[in-house]
Amino acid sequence: MADITKNGDEILAELQEIFRDILDQPNLILTRASNASNVEDWDSLAHINLLTTIEKQFKIKFALNEIQELKDVGDMIELIQRKLAAK
């Protein structure tokens, strides 16, 4: 269950598990700089599946404009932290 006290590293670890599952890459190493252009199989369909799974995992909802501003996993972590803090 998501906790509002999660730090960036904890969120990154959870995201890594989600990405490994959705992208079917059990050895994927995710970093804050990871993005759709440098992660194999991270296409538009995978992106939708990733966002949906992340919303369920952390019990948050993303707005379309927030999603469009995400440039990499680091941005995603910061957005998740803001969402959790606002709960």
Protein backbone atom coordinates (compact mmCIF):
# COMPACT_ATOMS: atom_id res chain seq x y z
CA MET A 1 0.00 0.00 0.00
CA ALA A 2 1.26 3.46 -0.88
CA ASP A 3 2.49 5.64 1.93
CA ILE A 4 2.82 9.42 1.81
CA THR A 5 6.25 9.20 3.45
CA LYS A 6 7.84 7.35 0.52
CA ASN A 7 11.09 8.82 -0.69
CA GLY A 8 12.24 8.92 -4.30
CA ASP A 9 14.32 5.75 -4.01
CA GLU A 10 11.39 3.77 -2.60
CA ILE A 11 9.13 5.02 -5.39
CA LEU A 12 11.83 4.20 -7.97
CA ALA A 13 12.05 0.64 -6.60
CA GLU A 14 8.28 0.20 -6.89
CA LEU A 15 8.26 1.72 -10.38
CA GLN A 16 11.04 -0.62 -11.44
CA GLU A 17 8.92 -3.64 -10.49
CA ILE A 18 5.94 -2.22 -12.40
CA PHE A 19 8.07 -1.50 -15.49
CA ARG A 20 9.65 -4.97 -15.35
CA ASP A 21 6.20 -6.55 -15.26
CA ILE A 22 4.50 -4.40 -17.91
CA LEU A 23 7.46 -4.41 -20.31
CA ASP A 24 8.22 -8.08 -19.59
CA GLN A 25 11.85 -7.28 -18.82
CA PRO A 26 12.76 -8.98 -15.52
CA ASN A 27 16.29 -7.54 -15.55
CA LEU A 28 15.37 -3.94 -16.40
CA ILE A 29 17.26 -1.38 -14.33
CA LEU A 30 15.31 1.85 -14.13
CA THR A 31 16.95 5.21 -13.32
CA ARG A 32 15.58 8.72 -12.95
CA ALA A 33 16.87 9.40 -16.48
CA SER A 34 14.99 6.46 -18.01
CA ASN A 35 12.46 7.48 -20.65
CA ALA A 36 10.55 6.04 -23.58
CA SER A 37 13.44 6.62 -25.97
CA ASN A 38 16.03 4.71 -23.92
CA VAL A 39 13.92 1.86 -22.51
CA GLU A 40 13.19 -0.98 -24.91
CA ASP A 41 9.50 -1.72 -25.56
CA TRP A 42 8.30 1.46 -23.81
CA ASP A 43 5.86 2.48 -26.53
CA SER A 44 2.56 4.37 -26.38
CA LEU A 45 0.52 1.30 -25.45
CA ALA A 46 2.99 0.31 -22.74
CA HIS A 47 2.89 3.92 -21.50
CA ILE A 48 -0.87 3.72 -20.95
CA ASN A 49 -0.51 0.38 -19.16
CA LEU A 50 2.31 1.76 -17.01
CA LEU A 51 0.34 4.85 -15.99
CA THR A 52 -2.79 2.83 -15.20
CA THR A 53 -0.81 0.38 -13.07
CA ILE A 54 1.06 3.21 -11.30
CA GLU A 55 -2.24 4.93 -10.47
CA LYS A 56 -3.58 1.70 -8.94
CA GLN A 57 -0.35 0.93 -7.06
CA PHE A 58 -0.09 4.35 -5.46
CA LYS A 59 -3.86 5.02 -5.30
CA ILE A 60 -3.52 8.30 -7.20
CA LYS A 61 -4.91 9.79 -10.43
CA PHE A 62 -2.95 11.64 -13.09
CA ALA A 63 -4.42 14.53 -15.05
CA LEU A 64 -3.75 14.59 -18.79
CA ASN A 65 -1.68 17.78 -18.57
CA GLU A 66 0.49 16.20 -15.84
CA ILE A 67 1.14 13.15 -18.00
CA GLN A 68 2.08 15.31 -20.99
CA GLU A 69 4.71 17.15 -18.91
CA LEU A 70 6.54 13.94 -17.89
CA LYS A 71 9.91 13.70 -19.60
CA ASP A 72 11.50 10.83 -17.69
CA VAL A 73 11.15 8.58 -14.67
CA GLY A 74 12.56 11.32 -12.41
CA ASP A 75 9.65 13.59 -13.36
CA MET A 76 7.27 10.69 -12.70
CA ILE A 77 8.74 10.13 -9.23
CA GLU A 78 8.36 13.83 -8.37
CA LEU A 79 4.75 13.84 -9.61
CA ILE A 80 3.94 10.73 -7.55
CA GLN A 81 5.50 12.35 -4.48
CA ARG A 82 3.37 15.50 -4.98
CA LYS A 83 0.24 13.39 -5.44
CA LEU A 84 0.93 11.35 -2.30
CA ALA A 85 1.68 14.49 -0.26
CA ALA A 86 -1.62 16.03 -1.37
CA LYS A 87 -3.71 13.04 -0.19
